[in-house]
C-alpha cells in the first residue's frame, strides 16, 4: 500500500493508471446499476474523468 501511495506522489504511471482504470470501471458500474438515480446521473462524468485521466497519465514516466 505504501508503494502505491509513493507512486502517486511521485507521479508514476502505474498507480495513476490503476486509479484511472478504477474510475472508468466505477463509472460503467454506475451507468448499469438499476438502484439509484443519483449514481446514474453522475456516471457519465465519472467515466469521462477516468478516460481523460488515463490519457494524461499515459504520458507520465514509468
C-alpha atoms as a PDB file:
ATOM      1  CA  UNK A   1       0.000   0.000   0.000  1.00  0.00           C
ATOM      2  CA  UNK A   2       2.823   2.412   0.740  1.00  0.00           C
ATOM      3  CA  UNK A   3       4.384   1.741  -2.676  1.00  0.00           C
ATOM      4  CA  UNK A   4       1.070   2.702  -4.271  1.00  0.00           C
ATOM      5  CA  UNK A   5       0.925   5.974  -2.339  1.00  0.00           C
ATOM      6  CA  UNK A   6       4.592   6.733  -3.059  1.00  0.00           C
ATOM      7  CA  UNK A   7       3.949   6.101  -6.759  1.00  0.00           C
ATOM      8  CA  UNK A   8       1.033   8.527  -6.710  1.00  0.00           C
ATOM      9  CA  UNK A   9       3.110  11.209  -5.037  1.00  0.00           C
ATOM     10  CA  UNK A  10       5.999  10.717  -7.473  1.00  0.00           C
ATOM     11  CA  UNK A  11       3.643  10.928 -10.475  1.00  0.00           C
ATOM     12  CA  UNK A  12       4.498   7.447 -11.726  1.00  0.00           C
ATOM     13  CA  UNK A  13       2.420   5.856 -14.452  1.00  0.00           C
ATOM     14  CA  UNK A  14       1.416   2.572 -12.803  1.00  0.00           C
ATOM     15  CA  UNK A  15      -0.545   3.779  -9.772  1.00  0.00           C
ATOM     16  CA  UNK A  16      -2.212   6.642 -11.667  1.00  0.00           C
ATOM     17  CA  UNK A  17      -3.271   4.299 -14.491  1.00  0.00           C
ATOM     18  CA  UNK A  18      -4.760   1.951 -11.916  1.00  0.00           C
ATOM     19  CA  UNK A  19      -6.697   4.819 -10.344  1.00  0.00           C
ATOM     20  CA  UNK A  20      -7.954   5.974 -13.761  1.00  0.00           C
ATOM     21  CA  UNK A  21      -8.999   2.428 -14.643  1.00  0.00           C
ATOM     22  CA  UNK A  22     -10.890   2.113 -11.365  1.00  0.00           C
ATOM     23  CA  UNK A  23     -12.699   5.384 -12.117  1.00  0.00           C
ATOM     24  CA  UNK A  24     -13.677   4.132 -15.579  1.00  0.00           C
ATOM     25  CA  UNK A  25     -14.955   0.841 -14.137  1.00  0.00           C
ATOM     26  CA  UNK A  26     -16.834   2.689 -11.394  1.00  0.00           C
ATOM     27  CA  UNK A  27     -18.472   4.947 -13.985  1.00  0.00           C
ATOM     28  CA  UNK A  28     -19.574   1.970 -16.074  1.00  0.00           C
ATOM     29  CA  UNK A  29     -20.944   0.256 -12.965  1.00  0.00           C
ATOM     30  CA  UNK A  30     -22.813   3.432 -12.022  1.00  0.00           C
ATOM     31  CA  UNK A  31     -24.279   3.532 -15.535  1.00  0.00           C
ATOM     32  CA  UNK A  32     -25.560  -0.047 -15.446  1.00  0.00           C
ATOM     33  CA  UNK A  33     -26.974  -0.266 -11.925  1.00  0.00           C
ATOM     34  CA  UNK A  34     -30.769  -0.042 -11.615  1.00  0.00           C
ATOM     35  CA  UNK A  35     -30.998   1.118  -7.964  1.00  0.00           C
ATOM     36  CA  UNK A  36     -30.034   4.772  -7.520  1.00  0.00           C
ATOM     37  CA  UNK A  37     -30.821   7.554  -9.958  1.00  0.00           C
ATOM     38  CA  UNK A  38     -28.088   9.752  -8.434  1.00  0.00           C
ATOM     39  CA  UNK A  39     -25.403   7.215  -9.382  1.00  0.00           C
ATOM     40  CA  UNK A  40     -26.790   7.002 -12.893  1.00  0.00           C
ATOM     41  CA  UNK A  41     -26.820  10.802 -13.136  1.00  0.00           C
ATOM     42  CA  UNK A  42     -23.098  11.130 -12.379  1.00  0.00           C
ATOM     43  CA  UNK A  43     -21.942   8.014 -14.237  1.00  0.00           C
ATOM     44  CA  UNK A  44     -21.031   9.807 -17.468  1.00  0.00           C
ATOM     45  CA  UNK A  45     -18.898  12.448 -15.759  1.00  0.00           C
ATOM     46  CA  UNK A  46     -17.062   9.814 -13.687  1.00  0.00           C
ATOM     47  CA  UNK A  47     -16.337   7.765 -16.814  1.00  0.00           C
ATOM     48  CA  UNK A  48     -15.230  10.878 -18.683  1.00  0.00           C
ATOM     49  CA  UNK A  49     -12.893  11.974 -15.882  1.00  0.00           C
ATOM     50  CA  UNK A  50     -11.357   8.487 -15.746  1.00  0.00           C
ATOM     51  CA  UNK A  51     -10.848   8.425 -19.515  1.00  0.00           C
ATOM     52  CA  UNK A  52      -9.251  11.875 -19.664  1.00  0.00           C
ATOM     53  CA  UNK A  53      -7.112  10.994 -16.648  1.00  0.00           C
ATOM     54  CA  UNK A  54      -5.953   7.799 -18.369  1.00  0.00           C
ATOM     55  CA  UNK A  55      -4.970   9.732 -21.499  1.00  0.00           C
ATOM     56  CA  UNK A  56      -2.986  12.273 -19.480  1.00  0.00           C
ATOM     57  CA  UNK A  57      -1.373   9.666 -17.210  1.00  0.00           C
ATOM     58  CA  UNK A  58      -0.199   7.600 -20.168  1.00  0.00           C
ATOM     59  CA  UNK A  59       2.397  10.338 -20.748  1.00  0.00           C
ATOM     60  CA  UNK A  60       3.866  10.049 -17.212  1.00  0.00           C
ATOM     61  CA  UNK A  61       7.273   8.348 -16.785  1.00  0.00           C
ATOM     62  CA  UNK A  62       7.368   4.741 -15.652  1.00  0.00           C
END
